[in-house]
Protein backbone atom coordinates (compact mmCIF):
# COMPACT_ATOMS: atom_id res chain seq x y z
CA MET A 1 -20.69 -41.55 32.78
CA ASN A 2 -21.08 -38.18 34.07
CA ASP A 3 -19.19 -37.27 37.26
CA LYS A 4 -21.04 -33.85 37.84
CA MET A 5 -22.75 -33.92 41.10
CA ALA A 6 -26.45 -32.52 40.98
CA THR A 7 -27.12 -29.08 42.63
CA PRO A 8 -29.42 -28.94 45.63
CA GLN A 9 -31.84 -27.33 43.34
CA GLU A 10 -31.61 -30.02 40.74
CA MET A 11 -31.99 -32.54 43.26
CA HIS A 12 -35.26 -30.70 44.58
CA THR A 13 -36.84 -30.52 41.52
CA GLN A 14 -36.01 -34.32 40.63
CA LEU A 15 -37.29 -35.19 44.02
CA SER A 16 -40.41 -33.19 43.65
CA TYR A 17 -41.31 -34.74 40.29
CA GLU A 18 -40.75 -38.15 41.71
CA LEU A 19 -43.10 -37.47 44.73
CA ALA A 20 -45.81 -36.02 42.14
CA VAL A 21 -45.47 -39.24 40.08
CA TYR A 22 -46.00 -41.35 43.22
CA LYS A 23 -48.87 -39.43 44.36
CA GLU A 24 -50.41 -40.17 40.73
CA GLN A 25 -49.70 -43.70 41.11
CA ILE A 26 -51.41 -43.80 44.50
CA SER A 27 -54.31 -42.16 42.96
CA LEU A 28 -54.52 -44.65 40.16
CA ILE A 29 -54.38 -47.64 42.36
CA LYS A 30 -57.20 -46.27 44.66
CA ARG A 31 -59.47 -45.77 41.76
CA GLU A 32 -58.42 -49.49 40.14
CA THR A 33 -59.24 -50.84 43.86
CA GLU A 34 -62.64 -49.06 44.26
CA ARG A 35 -63.42 -50.36 40.53
CA ILE A 36 -62.61 -53.92 41.35
CA GLY A 37 -64.53 -53.64 44.68
CA LEU A 38 -67.71 -52.69 42.73
CA THR A 39 -66.95 -55.66 40.43
CA THR A 40 -66.65 -58.11 43.55
CA VAL A 41 -70.07 -56.77 44.78
CA ASP A 42 -71.60 -57.22 41.54
CA LEU A 43 -70.26 -60.71 41.16
CA THR A 44 -71.07 -61.64 44.67
CA ASN A 45 -74.82 -60.36 43.95
CA ALA A 46 -74.88 -62.68 40.91
CA LEU A 47 -73.64 -65.49 42.77
CA SER A 48 -76.34 -65.10 45.45
CA THR A 49 -78.95 -65.11 43.01
CA VAL A 50 -77.70 -68.08 40.96
CA GLU A 51 -77.35 -70.04 44.31
CA ASN A 52 -80.92 -68.89 45.30
CA LEU A 53 -82.29 -70.34 41.99
CA LYS A 54 -82.42 -73.75 43.26
CA LYS A 55 -84.43 -72.94 46.17
CA GLU A 56 -86.80 -70.96 44.27
CA GLU A 57 -87.25 -73.40 41.53
CA GLU A 58 -90.26 -75.03 43.37
CA LYS A 59 -91.86 -71.36 43.31
CA LYS A 60 -91.08 -70.86 39.89
CA THR A 61 -90.82 -67.08 40.62
CA LEU A 62 -88.17 -65.08 42.33
CA LEU A 63 -86.62 -61.67 42.42
CA VAL A 64 -83.92 -60.59 40.22
CA PRO A 65 -81.47 -57.85 40.60
CA VAL A 66 -81.46 -55.71 37.27
CA GLY A 67 -78.88 -53.18 38.64
CA GLY A 68 -79.13 -50.29 40.91
CA GLY A 69 -80.52 -52.03 43.70
CA THR A 70 -83.55 -52.67 41.51
CA MET A 71 -85.39 -55.90 41.64
CA VAL A 72 -87.92 -57.38 39.07
CA LYS A 73 -90.14 -60.53 40.13
CA GLY A 74 -89.73 -63.03 37.41
CA ALA A 75 -90.68 -66.51 36.66
CA VAL A 76 -87.89 -69.27 36.11
CA SER A 77 -88.54 -71.36 32.88
CA ASP A 78 -85.09 -72.70 32.36
CA THR A 79 -81.84 -73.00 35.13
CA ARG A 80 -79.43 -72.58 32.41
CA ILE A 81 -77.32 -69.28 32.85
CA LEU A 82 -75.56 -67.06 30.61
CA VAL A 83 -72.22 -65.93 32.19
CA PRO A 84 -69.89 -63.31 30.88
CA VAL A 85 -66.51 -64.39 30.14
CA GLY A 86 -64.64 -61.31 28.73
CA ALA A 87 -64.74 -59.44 25.52
CA GLN A 88 -68.56 -59.23 25.56
CA TYR A 89 -69.08 -63.04 25.21
CA LEU A 90 -71.45 -65.13 27.32
CA VAL A 91 -71.34 -68.80 27.61
CA GLU A 92 -74.34 -70.90 28.55
CA MET A 93 -74.00 -72.91 31.74
CA ASP A 94 -75.68 -75.03 34.29
CA ARG A 95 -76.30 -73.99 37.68
CA GLU A 96 -73.14 -75.64 39.30
CA ASN A 97 -70.75 -74.33 36.44
CA ALA A 98 -71.97 -71.08 36.62
CA ILE A 99 -71.54 -70.84 40.67
CA ALA A 100 -67.81 -72.41 39.98
CA GLU A 101 -67.17 -69.57 37.39
CA LEU A 102 -68.61 -66.73 39.57
CA ASN A 103 -66.55 -68.22 42.40
CA LYS A 104 -63.33 -68.09 40.37
CA ARG A 105 -63.91 -64.64 39.18
CA ILE A 106 -64.50 -63.44 43.00
CA GLU A 107 -61.24 -65.16 43.77
CA ALA A 108 -59.43 -63.55 40.99
CA THR A 109 -61.04 -59.78 42.17
CA LYS A 110 -59.61 -60.58 45.78
CA ASN A 111 -56.17 -61.45 44.28
CA ALA A 112 -56.10 -58.39 42.34
CA VAL A 113 -57.09 -56.31 45.23
CA GLU A 114 -54.19 -57.90 47.34
CA LYS A 115 -51.66 -57.40 44.36
CA LEU A 116 -52.95 -53.74 44.29
CA SER A 117 -52.50 -53.24 48.23
CA GLU A 118 -48.86 -54.52 47.82
CA GLU A 119 -48.10 -52.17 44.99
CA PHE A 120 -49.75 -49.32 47.38
CA GLN A 121 -47.66 -50.09 50.27
CA LYS A 122 -44.30 -50.13 47.78
CA ILE A 123 -45.08 -46.80 46.35
CA SER A 124 -46.14 -45.46 50.12
CA GLU A 125 -42.71 -46.40 51.32
CA LYS A 126 -40.96 -44.80 48.13
CA MET A 127 -43.11 -41.61 48.76
CA LYS A 128 -41.84 -41.50 52.61
CA GLU A 129 -38.37 -41.84 51.64
CA THR A 130 -38.48 -39.45 48.71
CA SER A 131 -40.33 -36.77 51.32
CA GLY A 132 -37.46 -37.37 53.79
CA LYS A 133 -34.85 -36.75 51.11
CA LEU A 134 -36.62 -33.47 50.03
CA ARG A 135 -36.95 -32.39 53.73
CA ASP A 136 -33.27 -32.86 54.22
CA ILE A 137 -32.49 -30.92 51.02
CA LYS A 138 -34.86 -27.99 52.28
CA LYS A 139 -33.22 -28.24 55.50
CA SER A 140 -29.69 -28.17 54.15
CA GLU A 141 -30.37 -25.10 52.04
CA LYS A 142 -31.79 -23.19 55.08
CA THR A 143 -28.74 -23.96 57.02
CA SER A 144 -26.59 -23.13 54.02
CA LYS A 145 -28.38 -19.92 53.55
CA ARG A 146 -28.02 -19.09 57.31
CA ALA A 147 -24.37 -19.91 57.26
CA ASP A 148 -24.04 -17.42 54.04
CA GLU A 149 -25.80 -14.78 56.04
CA ASN A 150 -23.77 -15.12 58.99
CA ILE A 151 -20.72 -14.93 56.79
CA GLN A 152 -21.69 -11.70 55.28
CA GLU A 153 -22.66 -10.11 58.48
CA ASP A 154 -19.04 -10.94 60.03
CA TYR A 155 -17.38 -8.85 57.01
CA ILE A 156 -20.03 -6.00 57.52
């Protein structure tokens, strides 16, 4: 074990590095939260469309979202739905099972956002703590520098 105390400059460097790492982690969490938010919107739109299939069956035509806010008018010939289940695989399901699967995935995205929010809070607290330590070191260095200047003036 090393009994050597870190110098204020070494502590300053270490804390600055930690702060930069925390900032990068916060940035990654924000991007991931935005991505999950977009996924939630996409899943919610899909759920709405699947739920409306039953209502539109009598008419046999409906507006189907194709992405980017664009819709296409279509005729429904079969109410079996292809639902993505991961790794680019689709599973054919009836309407009720598709609704259940979409609801399950929407819930999973909400849980993921909650976990990311908790992690965001933890990292934010660490950032505040590290920033405080960094301010204390800077203040201590300034005080020490002024004391050294005063001592030098006393001898001149």
